[in-house]
Amino acid sequence: MRSIFTVIMLAAATNAAMASTVTLDLPGDAPVERNVVGYECGDQSVKAEYINAGDNALVVLTLGDRTVVAVTVLSGSGARYAGQNYVWWTKGDNADLYDLTKGEDAPAVLSCEAAK
């Protein structure tokens, strides 16, 4: 038996949204768990869909009209995900988004709290 992640990514098109489906077939029989969390980040919002199967975890972030798929990476505290030029770091109800193009020691570009 295999665990299967299915991720639907939306891409902005001229007048309509187009959907792409990506399926990852993983060995093992760990159940796939999904959890969607909305975050308030000042005057912006972020939707995070967490997808976990055993030791494998990823998050699909919706940042305005942009979709970022990030995988879990080593973290000293909380859960840290990296994808494209971003790091999404969560701890409890708080999350920070870092843009790696801003430099290694740059502050978060968004500081967020899970919507209640």
PDB file of N, CA and C in Angstrom:
ATOM      1  N   MET A   1       0.856  -1.179   0.000  1.00  0.00           N
ATOM      2  CA  MET A   1       0.000   0.000   0.000  1.00  0.00           C
ATOM      3  C   MET A   1       0.895   1.233   0.000  1.00  0.00           C
ATOM      4  N   ARG A   2       0.482   2.283  -0.669  1.00  0.00           N
ATOM      5  CA  ARG A   2       1.249   3.517  -0.752  1.00  0.00           C
ATOM      6  C   ARG A   2       0.423   4.688  -0.257  1.00  0.00           C
ATOM      7  N   SER A   3       1.133   5.694   0.301  1.00  0.00           N
ATOM      8  CA  SER A   3       0.483   6.949   0.660  1.00  0.00           C
ATOM      9  C   SER A   3       0.557   7.854  -0.553  1.00  0.00           C
ATOM     10  N   ILE A   4      -0.508   8.562  -0.831  1.00  0.00           N
ATOM     11  CA  ILE A   4      -0.531   9.441  -1.998  1.00  0.00           C
ATOM     12  C   ILE A   4      -0.914  10.845  -1.563  1.00  0.00           C
ATOM     13  N   PHE A   5      -0.029  11.807  -1.861  1.00  0.00           N
ATOM     14  CA  PHE A   5      -0.326  13.223  -1.682  1.00  0.00           C
ATOM     15  C   PHE A   5      -0.920  13.697  -2.996  1.00  0.00           C
ATOM     16  N   THR A   6      -2.024  14.385  -2.964  1.00  0.00           N
ATOM     17  CA  THR A   6      -2.520  15.049  -4.163  1.00  0.00           C
ATOM     18  C   THR A   6      -2.625  16.526  -3.832  1.00  0.00           C
ATOM     19  N   VAL A   7      -1.963  17.331  -4.599  1.00  0.00           N
ATOM     20  CA  VAL A   7      -1.914  18.771  -4.378  1.00  0.00           C
ATOM     21  C   VAL A   7      -2.520  19.453  -5.581  1.00  0.00           C
ATOM     22  N   ILE A   8      -3.487  20.313  -5.353  1.00  0.00           N
ATOM     23  CA  ILE A   8      -4.072  21.091  -6.450  1.00  0.00           C
ATOM     24  C   ILE A   8      -3.512  22.496  -6.349  1.00  0.00           C
ATOM     25  N   MET A   9      -2.840  22.923  -7.407  1.00  0.00           N
ATOM     26  CA  MET A   9      -2.233  24.241  -7.423  1.00  0.00           C
ATOM     27  C   MET A   9      -2.986  25.117  -8.408  1.00  0.00           C
ATOM     28  N   LEU A  10      -3.262  26.337  -7.976  1.00  0.00           N
ATOM     29  CA  LEU A  10      -3.953  27.284  -8.839  1.00  0.00           C
ATOM     30  C   LEU A  10      -2.956  28.288  -9.386  1.00  0.00           C
ATOM     31  N   ALA A  11      -3.051  28.550 -10.665  1.00  0.00           N
ATOM     32  CA  ALA A  11      -2.194  29.536 -11.310  1.00  0.00           C
ATOM     33  C   ALA A  11      -3.070  30.617 -11.915  1.00  0.00           C
ATOM     34  N   ALA A  12      -2.660  31.855 -11.735  1.00  0.00           N
ATOM     35  CA  ALA A  12      -3.444  32.956 -12.294  1.00  0.00           C
ATOM     36  C   ALA A  12      -3.275  32.979 -13.811  1.00  0.00           C
ATOM     37  N   ALA A  13      -4.347  33.099 -14.520  1.00  0.00           N
ATOM     38  CA  ALA A  13      -4.333  33.221 -15.977  1.00  0.00           C
ATOM     39  C   ALA A  13      -4.945  34.573 -16.324  1.00  0.00           C
ATOM     40  N   THR A  14      -4.990  34.900 -17.595  1.00  0.00           N
ATOM     41  CA  THR A  14      -5.460  36.204 -18.027  1.00  0.00           C
ATOM     42  C   THR A  14      -6.819  36.559 -17.429  1.00  0.00           C
ATOM     43  N   ASN A  15      -7.842  35.756 -17.644  1.00  0.00           N
ATOM     44  CA  ASN A  15      -9.168  36.069 -17.127  1.00  0.00           C
ATOM     45  C   ASN A  15      -9.767  34.939 -16.296  1.00  0.00           C
ATOM     46  N   ALA A  16      -9.040  33.861 -16.121  1.00  0.00           N
ATOM     47  CA  ALA A  16      -9.586  32.720 -15.381  1.00  0.00           C
ATOM     48  C   ALA A  16      -8.461  32.000 -14.662  1.00  0.00           C
ATOM     49  N   ALA A  17      -8.818  31.269 -13.619  1.00  0.00           N
ATOM     50  CA  ALA A  17      -7.832  30.477 -12.899  1.00  0.00           C
ATOM     51  C   ALA A  17      -7.753  29.090 -13.519  1.00  0.00           C
ATOM     52  N   MET A  18      -6.537  28.596 -13.656  1.00  0.00           N
ATOM     53  CA  MET A  18      -6.324  27.259 -14.180  1.00  0.00           C
ATOM     54  C   MET A  18      -5.799  26.410 -13.029  1.00  0.00           C
ATOM     55  N   ALA A  19      -6.230  25.177 -12.935  1.00  0.00           N
ATOM     56  CA  ALA A  19      -5.790  24.296 -11.862  1.00  0.00           C
ATOM     57  C   ALA A  19      -4.851  23.240 -12.421  1.00  0.00           C
ATOM     58  N   SER A  20      -3.799  22.946 -11.664  1.00  0.00           N
ATOM     59  CA  SER A  20      -2.885  21.865 -11.979  1.00  0.00           C
ATOM     60  C   SER A  20      -2.936  20.886 -10.824  1.00  0.00           C
ATOM     61  N   THR A  21      -2.871  19.610 -11.122  1.00  0.00           N
ATOM     62  CA  THR A  21      -2.871  18.594 -10.084  1.00  0.00           C
ATOM     63  C   THR A  21      -1.533  17.888 -10.093  1.00  0.00           C
ATOM     64  N   VAL A  22      -0.918  17.786  -8.913  1.00  0.00           N
ATOM     65  CA  VAL A  22       0.341  17.087  -8.741  1.00  0.00           C
ATOM     66  C   VAL A  22       0.087  15.959  -7.758  1.00  0.00           C
ATOM     67  N   THR A  23       0.498  14.740  -8.108  1.00  0.00           N
ATOM     68  CA  THR A  23       0.324  13.594  -7.229  1.00  0.00           C
ATOM     69  C   THR A  23       1.688  13.007  -6.897  1.00  0.00           C
ATOM     70  N   LEU A  24       1.965  12.826  -5.605  1.00  0.00           N
ATOM     71  CA  LEU A  24       3.196  12.209  -5.148  1.00  0.00           C
ATOM     72  C   LEU A  24       2.846  10.853  -4.554  1.00  0.00           C
ATOM     73  N   ASP A  25       3.416   9.807  -5.098  1.00  0.00           N
ATOM     74  CA  ASP A  25       3.165   8.452  -4.642  1.00  0.00           C
ATOM     75  C   ASP A  25       4.318   8.047  -3.727  1.00  0.00           C
ATOM     76  N   LEU A  26       4.042   7.827  -2.432  1.00  0.00           N
ATOM     77  CA  LEU A  26       5.067   7.512  -1.450  1.00  0.00           C
ATOM     78  C   LEU A  26       4.967   6.063  -1.001  1.00  0.00           C
ATOM     79  N   PRO A  27       6.103   5.425  -0.722  1.00  0.00           N
ATOM     80  CA  PRO A  27       6.039   4.064  -0.201  1.00  0.00           C
ATOM     81  C   PRO A  27       5.458   4.068   1.218  1.00  0.00           C
ATOM     82  N   GLY A  28       4.892   2.955   1.613  1.00  0.00           N
ATOM     83  CA  GLY A  28       4.323   2.850   2.954  1.00  0.00           C
ATOM     84  C   GLY A  28       2.827   3.030   2.922  1.00  0.00           C
ATOM     85  N   ASP A  29       2.217   2.832   4.076  1.00  0.00           N
ATOM     86  CA  ASP A  29       0.762   2.913   4.152  1.00  0.00           C
ATOM     87  C   ASP A  29       0.275   3.942   5.163  1.00  0.00           C
ATOM     88  N   ALA A  30       1.102   4.935   5.441  1.00  0.00           N
ATOM     89  CA  ALA A  30       0.699   5.981   6.386  1.00  0.00           C
ATOM     90  C   ALA A  30      -0.502   6.739   5.823  1.00  0.00           C
ATOM     91  N   PRO A  31      -1.496   7.000   6.649  1.00  0.00           N
ATOM     92  CA  PRO A  31      -2.647   7.766   6.159  1.00  0.00           C
ATOM     93  C   PRO A  31      -2.247   9.211   5.861  1.00  0.00           C
ATOM     94  N   VAL A  32      -2.914   9.785   4.891  1.00  0.00           N
ATOM     95  CA  VAL A  32      -2.671  11.185   4.543  1.00  0.00           C
ATOM     96  C   VAL A  32      -3.639  12.045   5.345  1.00  0.00           C
ATOM     97  N   GLU A  33      -3.085  13.015   6.069  1.00  0.00           N
ATOM     98  CA  GLU A  33      -3.895  13.934   6.862  1.00  0.00           C
ATOM     99  C   GLU A  33      -3.756  15.331   6.280  1.00  0.00           C
ATOM    100  N   ARG A  34      -4.879  16.032   6.192  1.00  0.00           N
ATOM    101  CA  ARG A  34      -4.902  17.403   5.668  1.00  0.00           C
ATOM    102  C   ARG A  34      -5.518  18.328   6.703  1.00  0.00           C
ATOM    103  N   ASN A  35      -4.963  19.523   6.791  1.00  0.00           N
ATOM    104  CA  ASN A  35      -5.478  20.525   7.715  1.00  0.00           C
ATOM    105  C   ASN A  35      -5.295  21.893   7.073  1.00  0.00           C
ATOM    106  N   VAL A  36      -6.378  22.634   6.915  1.00  0.00           N
ATOM    107  CA  VAL A  36      -6.310  23.969   6.325  1.00  0.00           C
ATOM    108  C   VAL A  36      -6.423  25.003   7.434  1.00  0.00           C
ATOM    109  N   VAL A  37      -5.484  25.956   7.441  1.00  0.00           N
ATOM    110  CA  VAL A  37      -5.469  27.015   8.447  1.00  0.00           C
ATOM    111  C   VAL A  37      -5.373  28.354   7.725  1.00  0.00           C
ATOM    112  N   GLY A  38      -6.220  29.285   8.114  1.00  0.00           N
ATOM    113  CA  GLY A  38      -6.142  30.649   7.612  1.00  0.00           C
ATOM    114  C   GLY A  38      -5.352  31.492   8.597  1.00  0.00           C
ATOM    115  N   TYR A  39      -4.484  32.337   8.104  1.00  0.00           N
ATOM    116  CA  TYR A  39      -3.659  33.204   8.939  1.00  0.00           C
ATOM    117  C   TYR A  39      -3.927  34.663   8.598  1.00  0.00           C
ATOM    118  N   GLU A  40      -3.955  35.496   9.617  1.00  0.00           N
ATOM    119  CA  GLU A  40      -4.030  36.948   9.457  1.00  0.00           C
ATOM    120  C   GLU A  40      -2.636  37.508   9.654  1.00  0.00           C
ATOM    121  N   CYS A  41      -2.188  38.295   8.689  1.00  0.00           N
ATOM    122  CA  CYS A  41      -0.822  38.823   8.677  1.00  0.00           C
ATOM    123  C   CYS A  41      -0.889  40.331   8.471  1.00  0.00           C
ATOM    124  N   GLY A  42      -1.332  41.047   9.490  1.00  0.00           N
ATOM    125  CA  GLY A  42      -1.546  42.486   9.318  1.00  0.00           C
ATOM    126  C   GLY A  42      -2.695  42.703   8.361  1.00  0.00           C
ATOM    127  N   ASP A  43      -2.430  43.402   7.246  1.00  0.00           N
ATOM    128  CA  ASP A  43      -3.481  43.666   6.266  1.00  0.00           C
ATOM    129  C   ASP A  43      -3.553  42.592   5.178  1.00  0.00           C
ATOM    130  N   GLN A  44      -2.795  41.510   5.333  1.00  0.00           N
ATOM    131  CA  GLN A  44      -2.800  40.412   4.369  1.00  0.00           C
ATOM    132  C   GLN A  44      -3.271  39.130   5.048  1.00  0.00           C
ATOM    133  N   SER A  45      -3.650  38.165   4.241  1.00  0.00           N
ATOM    134  CA  SER A  45      -3.999  36.858   4.787  1.00  0.00           C
ATOM    135  C   SER A  45      -3.272  35.783   3.985  1.00  0.00           C
ATOM    136  N   VAL A  46      -3.035  34.661   4.638  1.00  0.00           N
ATOM    137  CA  VAL A  46      -2.370  33.515   4.023  1.00  0.00           C
ATOM    138  C   VAL A  46      -3.203  32.287   4.345  1.00  0.00           C
ATOM    139  N   LYS A  47      -3.432  31.454   3.336  1.00  0.00           N
ATOM    140  CA  LYS A  47      -4.075  30.156   3.554  1.00  0.00           C
ATOM    141  C   LYS A  47      -2.981  29.107   3.485  1.00  0.00           C
ATOM    142  N   ALA A  48      -2.941  28.236   4.502  1.00  0.00           N
ATOM    143  CA  ALA A  48      -1.951  27.165   4.541  1.00  0.00           C
ATOM    144  C   ALA A  48      -2.674  25.830   4.613  1.00  0.00           C
ATOM    145  N   GLU A  49      -2.419  24.949   3.649  1.00  0.00           N
ATOM    146  CA  GLU A  49      -2.958  23.599   3.694  1.00  0.00           C
ATOM    147  C   GLU A  49      -1.798  22.666   4.026  1.00  0.00           C
ATOM    148  N   TYR A  50      -1.842  22.108   5.234  1.00  0.00           N
ATOM    149  CA  TYR A  50      -0.814  21.189   5.693  1.00  0.00           C
ATOM    150  C   TYR A  50      -1.209  19.777   5.280  1.00  0.00           C
ATOM    151  N   ILE A  51      -0.274  19.063   4.653  1.00  0.00           N
ATOM    152  CA  ILE A  51      -0.521  17.707   4.184  1.00  0.00           C
ATOM    153  C   ILE A  51       0.580  16.817   4.758  1.00  0.00           C
ATOM    154  N   ASN A  52       0.183  15.816   5.545  1.00  0.00           N
ATOM    155  CA  ASN A  52       1.134  14.953   6.226  1.00  0.00           C
ATOM    156  C   ASN A  52       0.836  13.493   5.928  1.00  0.00           C
ATOM    157  N   ALA A  53       1.903  12.712   5.738  1.00  0.00           N
ATOM    158  CA  ALA A  53       1.789  11.258   5.572  1.00  0.00           C
ATOM    159  C   ALA A  53       3.025  10.638   6.208  1.00  0.00           C
ATOM    160  N   GLY A  54       2.864  10.124   7.421  1.00  0.00           N
ATOM    161  CA  GLY A  54       4.009   9.551   8.125  1.00  0.00           C
ATOM    162  C   GLY A  54       5.078  10.595   8.359  1.00  0.00           C
ATOM    163  N   ASP A  55       6.312  10.290   7.927  1.00  0.00           N
ATOM    164  CA  ASP A  55       7.434  11.214   8.110  1.00  0.00           C
ATOM    165  C   ASP A  55       7.484  12.323   7.062  1.00  0.00           C
ATOM    166  N   ASN A  56       6.580  12.295   6.106  1.00  0.00           N
ATOM    167  CA  ASN A  56       6.568  13.285   5.032  1.00  0.00           C
ATOM    168  C   ASN A  56       5.526  14.350   5.318  1.00  0.00           C
ATOM    169  N   ALA A  57       5.931  15.607   5.159  1.00  0.00           N
ATOM    170  CA  ALA A  57       5.012  16.714   5.415  1.00  0.00           C
ATOM    171  C   ALA A  57       5.302  17.846   4.446  1.00  0.00           C
ATOM    172  N   LEU A  58       4.233  18.488   3.997  1.00  0.00           N
ATOM    173  CA  LEU A  58       4.382  19.677   3.168  1.00  0.00           C
ATOM    174  C   LEU A  58       3.247  20.632   3.459  1.00  0.00           C
ATOM    175  N   VAL A  59       3.420  21.848   2.977  1.00  0.00           N
ATOM    176  CA  VAL A  59       2.385  22.863   3.109  1.00  0.00           C
ATOM    177  C   VAL A  59       2.214  23.530   1.753  1.00  0.00           C
ATOM    178  N   VAL A  60       0.960  23.812   1.404  1.00  0.00           N
ATOM    179  CA  VAL A  60       0.648  24.578   0.207  1.00  0.00           C
ATOM    180  C   VAL A  60       0.163  25.935   0.699  1.00  0.00           C
ATOM    181  N   LEU A  61       0.940  26.962   0.413  1.00  0.00           N
ATOM    182  CA  LEU A  61       0.613  28.321   0.848  1.00  0.00           C
ATOM    183  C   LEU A  61      -0.041  29.086  -0.283  1.00  0.00           C
ATOM    184  N   THR A  62      -1.127  29.770   0.027  1.00  0.00           N
ATOM    185  CA  THR A  62      -1.743  30.680  -0.921  1.00  0.00           C
ATOM    186  C   THR A  62      -1.460  32.084  -0.427  1.00  0.00           C
ATOM    187  N   LEU A  63      -0.635  32.793  -1.194  1.00  0.00           N
ATOM    188  CA  LEU A  63      -0.202  34.151  -0.865  1.00  0.00           C
ATOM    189  C   LEU A  63      -0.756  35.077  -1.944  1.00  0.00           C
ATOM    190  N   GLY A  64      -1.932  35.625  -1.716  1.00  0.00           N
ATOM    191  CA  GLY A  64      -2.585  36.427  -2.750  1.00  0.00           C
ATOM    192  C   GLY A  64      -2.887  35.548  -3.945  1.00  0.00           C
ATOM    193  N   ASP A  65      -2.320  35.881  -5.123  1.00  0.00           N
ATOM    194  CA  ASP A  65      -2.558  35.078  -6.324  1.00  0.00           C
ATOM    195  C   ASP A  65      -1.418  34.093  -6.585  1.00  0.00           C
ATOM    196  N   ARG A  66      -0.546  33.922  -5.608  1.00  0.00           N
ATOM    197  CA  ARG A  66       0.613  33.045  -5.754  1.00  0.00           C
ATOM    198  C   ARG A  66       0.453  31.788  -4.896  1.00  0.00           C
ATOM    199  N   THR A  67       0.862  30.632  -5.433  1.00  0.00           N
ATOM    200  CA  THR A  67       0.839  29.368  -4.707  1.00  0.00           C
ATOM    201  C   THR A  67       2.274  28.887  -4.523  1.00  0.00           C
ATOM    202  N   VAL A  68       2.617  28.534  -3.284  1.00  0.00           N
ATOM    203  CA  VAL A  68       3.951  28.030  -2.964  1.00  0.00           C
ATOM    204  C   VAL A  68       3.794  26.676  -2.289  1.00  0.00           C
ATOM    205  N   VAL A  69       4.473  25.662  -2.812  1.00  0.00           N
ATOM    206  CA  VAL A  69       4.505  24.348  -2.175  1.00  0.00           C
ATOM    207  C   VAL A  69       5.848  24.239  -1.463  1.00  0.00           C
ATOM    208  N   ALA A  70       5.806  23.938  -0.164  1.00  0.00           N
ATOM    209  CA  ALA A  70       7.026  23.860   0.627  1.00  0.00           C
ATOM    210  C   ALA A  70       7.034  22.554   1.427  1.00  0.00           C
ATOM    211  N   VAL A  71       8.226  21.999   1.617  1.00  0.00           N
ATOM    212  CA  VAL A  71       8.379  20.752   2.366  1.00  0.00           C
ATOM    213  C   VAL A  71       9.026  21.049   3.711  1.00  0.00           C
ATOM    214  N   THR A  72       8.755  20.173   4.665  1.00  0.00           N
ATOM    215  CA  THR A  72       9.306  20.358   5.997  1.00  0.00           C
ATOM    216  C   THR A  72      10.820  20.153   5.969  1.00  0.00           C
ATOM    217  N   VAL A  73      11.518  20.999   6.727  1.00  0.00           N
ATOM    218  CA  VAL A  73      12.972  20.919   6.858  1.00  0.00           C
ATOM    219  C   VAL A  73      13.317  20.999   8.340  1.00  0.00           C
ATOM    220  N   LEU A  74      14.552  20.725   8.666  1.00  0.00           N
ATOM    221  CA  LEU A  74      15.023  20.699  10.046  1.00  0.00           C
ATOM    222  C   LEU A  74      14.741  22.015  10.758  1.00  0.00           C
ATOM    223  N   SER A  75      14.224  21.893  11.980  1.00  0.00           N
ATOM    224  CA  SER A  75      13.882  23.070  12.774  1.00  0.00           C
ATOM    225  C   SER A  75      14.245  22.803  14.227  1.00  0.00           C
ATOM    226  N   GLY A  76      14.819  23.800  14.885  1.00  0.00           N
ATOM    227  CA  GLY A  76      15.126  23.667  16.302  1.00  0.00           C
ATOM    228  C   GLY A  76      13.880  23.783  17.152  1.00  0.00           C
ATOM    229  N   SER A  77      12.876  24.470  16.635  1.00  0.00           N
ATOM    230  CA  SER A  77      11.635  24.698  17.375  1.00  0.00           C
ATOM    231  C   SER A  77      10.513  24.961  16.378  1.00  0.00           C
ATOM    232  N   GLY A  78       9.340  24.417  16.623  1.00  0.00           N
ATOM    233  CA  GLY A  78       8.206  24.614  15.725  1.00  0.00           C
ATOM    234  C   GLY A  78       8.349  23.771  14.475  1.00  0.00           C
ATOM    235  N   ALA A  79       7.617  24.141  13.431  1.00  0.00           N
ATOM    236  CA  ALA A  79       7.674  23.442  12.145  1.00  0.00           C
ATOM    237  C   ALA A  79       8.152  24.432  11.091  1.00  0.00           C
ATOM    238  N   ARG A  80       9.133  24.033  10.331  1.00  0.00           N
ATOM    239  CA  ARG A  80       9.732  24.903   9.317  1.00  0.00           C
ATOM    240  C   ARG A  80       9.610  24.223   7.958  1.00  0.00           C
ATOM    241  N   TYR A  81       9.143  24.985   6.963  1.00  0.00           N
ATOM    242  CA  TYR A  81       8.943  24.487   5.606  1.00  0.00           C
ATOM    243  C   TYR A  81       9.701  25.398   4.645  1.00  0.00           C
ATOM    244  N   ALA A  82      10.286  24.827   3.602  1.00  0.00           N
ATOM    245  CA  ALA A  82      11.008  25.613   2.607  1.00  0.00           C
ATOM    246  C   ALA A  82      10.502  25.256   1.211  1.00  0.00           C
ATOM    247  N   GLY A  83      10.271  26.295   0.403  1.00  0.00           N
ATOM    248  CA  GLY A  83       9.838  26.115  -0.972  1.00  0.00           C
ATOM    249  C   GLY A  83      10.054  27.382  -1.764  1.00  0.00           C
ATOM    250  N   GLN A  84      10.496  27.232  -2.995  1.00  0.00           N
ATOM    251  CA  GLN A  84      10.855  28.362  -3.851  1.00  0.00           C
ATOM    252  C   GLN A  84      11.851  29.220  -3.074  1.00  0.00           C
ATOM    253  N   ASN A  85      11.623  30.500  -2.960  1.00  0.00           N
ATOM    254  CA  ASN A  85      12.545  31.363  -2.225  1.00  0.00           C
ATOM    255  C   ASN A  85      12.022  31.693  -0.825  1.00  0.00           C
ATOM    256  N   TYR A  86      11.084  30.885  -0.309  1.00  0.00           N
ATOM    257  CA  TYR A  86      10.440  31.181   0.971  1.00  0.00           C
ATOM    258  C   TYR A  86      10.708  30.122   2.039  1.00  0.00           C
ATOM    259  N   VAL A  87      10.686  30.570   3.278  1.00  0.00           N
ATOM    260  CA  VAL A  87      10.638  29.695   4.445  1.00  0.00           C
ATOM    261  C   VAL A  87       9.404  30.099   5.244  1.00  0.00           C
ATOM    262  N   TRP A  88       8.564  29.118   5.573  1.00  0.00           N
ATOM    263  CA  TRP A  88       7.345  29.304   6.380  1.00  0.00           C
ATOM    264  C   TRP A  88       7.618  28.601   7.701  1.00  0.00           C
ATOM    265  N   TRP A  89       7.658  29.367   8.794  1.00  0.00           N
ATOM    266  CA  TRP A  89       8.053  28.818  10.092  1.00  0.00           C
ATOM    267  C   TRP A  89       6.917  29.037  11.071  1.00  0.00           C
ATOM    268  N   THR A  90       6.366  27.942  11.586  1.00  0.00           N
ATOM    269  CA  THR A  90       5.235  28.029  12.505  1.00  0.00           C
ATOM    270  C   THR A  90       5.624  27.549  13.893  1.00  0.00           C
ATOM    271  N   LYS A  91       4.974  28.128  14.881  1.00  0.00           N
ATOM    272  CA  LYS A  91       5.102  27.678  16.269  1.00  0.00           C
ATOM    273  C   LYS A  91       3.796  28.035  16.949  1.00  0.00           C
ATOM    274  N   GLY A  92       3.039  27.021  17.354  1.00  0.00           N
ATOM    275  CA  GLY A  92       1.721  27.272  17.933  1.00  0.00           C
ATOM    276  C   GLY A  92       0.828  27.928  16.901  1.00  0.00           C
ATOM    277  N   ASP A  93       0.158  29.016  17.286  1.00  0.00           N
ATOM    278  CA  ASP A  93      -0.742  29.734  16.375  1.00  0.00           C
ATOM    279  C   ASP A  93      -0.039  30.809  15.547  1.00  0.00           C
ATOM    280  N   ASN A  94       1.270  30.949  15.700  1.00  0.00           N
ATOM    281  CA  ASN A  94       2.018  31.990  15.001  1.00  0.00           C
ATOM    282  C   ASN A  94       2.815  31.412  13.840  1.00  0.00           C
ATOM    283  N   ALA A  95       2.987  32.211  12.796  1.00  0.00           N
ATOM    284  CA  ALA A  95       3.773  31.798  11.637  1.00  0.00           C
ATOM    285  C   ALA A  95       4.494  33.019  11.074  1.00  0.00           C
ATOM    286  N   ASP A  96       5.688  32.784  10.579  1.00  0.00           N
ATOM    287  CA  ASP A  96       6.465  33.835   9.928  1.00  0.00           C
ATOM    288  C   ASP A  96       6.862  33.361   8.541  1.00  0.00           C
ATOM    289  N   LEU A  97       6.824  34.277   7.590  1.00  0.00           N
ATOM    290  CA  LEU A  97       7.236  33.999   6.226  1.00  0.00           C
ATOM    291  C   LEU A  97       8.505  34.788   5.945  1.00  0.00           C
ATOM    292  N   TYR A  98       9.554  34.065   5.543  1.00  0.00           N
ATOM    293  CA  TYR A  98      10.835  34.686   5.220  1.00  0.00           C
ATOM    294  C   TYR A  98      11.075  34.563   3.724  1.00  0.00           C
ATOM    295  N   ASP A  99      11.629  35.605   3.129  1.00  0.00           N
ATOM    296  CA  ASP A  99      12.015  35.604   1.724  1.00  0.00           C
ATOM    297  C   ASP A  99      13.534  35.487   1.685  1.00  0.00           C
ATOM    298  N   LEU A 100      14.041  34.338   1.240  1.00  0.00           N
ATOM    299  CA  LEU A 100      15.472  34.076   1.266  1.00  0.00           C
ATOM    300  C   LEU A 100      16.262  35.012   0.356  1.00  0.00           C
ATOM    301  N   THR A 101      15.607  35.654  -0.603  1.00  0.00           N
ATOM    302  CA  THR A 101      16.323  36.595  -1.471  1.00  0.00           C
ATOM    303  C   THR A 101      16.668  37.885  -0.732  1.00  0.00           C
ATOM    304  N   LYS A 102      16.074  38.091   0.437  1.00  0.00           N
ATOM    305  CA  LYS A 102      16.341  39.299   1.231  1.00  0.00           C
ATOM    306  C   LYS A 102      17.604  39.151   2.082  1.00  0.00           C
ATOM    307  N   GLY A 103      18.164  37.945   2.166  1.00  0.00           N
ATOM    308  CA  GLY A 103      19.362  37.704   2.965  1.00  0.00           C
ATOM    309  C   GLY A 103      19.075  36.779   4.127  1.00  0.00           C
ATOM    310  N   GLU A 104      20.111  36.098   4.571  1.00  0.00           N
ATOM    311  CA  GLU A 104      19.982  35.082   5.614  1.00  0.00           C
ATOM    312  C   GLU A 104      19.469  35.630   6.941  1.00  0.00           C
ATOM    313  N   ASP A 105      19.859  36.834   7.294  1.00  0.00           N
ATOM    314  CA  ASP A 105      19.467  37.409   8.581  1.00  0.00           C
ATOM    315  C   ASP A 105      18.332  38.423   8.470  1.00  0.00           C
ATOM    316  N   ALA A 106      17.683  38.488   7.321  1.00  0.00           N
ATOM    317  CA  ALA A 106      16.590  39.447   7.112  1.00  0.00           C
ATOM    318  C   ALA A 106      15.385  39.076   7.978  1.00  0.00           C
ATOM    319  N   PRO A 107      14.650  40.081   8.457  1.00  0.00           N
ATOM    320  CA  PRO A 107      13.448  39.778   9.239  1.00  0.00           C
ATOM    321  C   PRO A 107      12.354  39.162   8.369  1.00  0.00           C
ATOM    322  N   ALA A 108      11.370  38.598   9.006  1.00  0.00           N
ATOM    323  CA  ALA A 108      10.234  38.010   8.297  1.00  0.00           C
ATOM    324  C   ALA A 108       9.542  39.072   7.451  1.00  0.00           C
ATOM    325  N   VAL A 109       9.085  38.680   6.259  1.00  0.00           N
ATOM    326  CA  VAL A 109       8.326  39.606   5.416  1.00  0.00           C
ATOM    327  C   VAL A 109       6.868  39.635   5.858  1.00  0.00           C
ATOM    328  N   LEU A 110       6.412  38.568   6.520  1.00  0.00           N
ATOM    329  CA  LEU A 110       5.055  38.521   7.112  1.00  0.00           C
ATOM    330  C   LEU A 110       5.144  37.830   8.461  1.00  0.00           C
ATOM    331  N   SER A 111       4.475  38.384   9.448  1.00  0.00           N
ATOM    332  CA  SER A 111       4.290  37.727  10.740  1.00  0.00           C
ATOM    333  C   SER A 111       2.782  37.533  10.897  1.00  0.00           C
ATOM    334  N   CYS A 112       2.390  36.283  11.147  1.00  0.00           N
ATOM    335  CA  CYS A 112       0.982  35.927  11.068  1.00  0.00           C
ATOM    336  C   CYS A 112       0.498  35.239  12.348  1.00  0.00           C
ATOM    337  N   GLU A 113      -0.824  35.266  12.508  1.00  0.00           N
ATOM    338  CA  GLU A 113      -1.473  34.546  13.587  1.00  0.00           C
ATOM    339  C   GLU A 113      -2.654  33.801  12.995  1.00  0.00           C
ATOM    340  N   ALA A 114      -2.832  32.553  13.444  1.00  0.00           N
ATOM    341  CA  ALA A 114      -3.955  31.749  12.950  1.00  0.00           C
ATOM    342  C   ALA A 114      -5.263  32.451  13.270  1.00  0.00           C
ATOM    343  N   ALA A 115      -6.140  32.508  12.263  1.00  0.00           N
ATOM    344  CA  ALA A 115      -7.444  33.133  12.447  1.00  0.00           C
ATOM    345  C   ALA A 115      -8.281  32.246  13.367  1.00  0.00           C
ATOM    346  N   LYS A 116      -9.040  32.854  14.222  1.00  0.00           N
ATOM    347  CA  LYS A 116      -9.870  32.101  15.167  1.00  0.00           C
ATOM    348  C   LYS A 116     -11.224  31.818  14.583  1.00  0.00           C
TER     349      LYS A 116
END
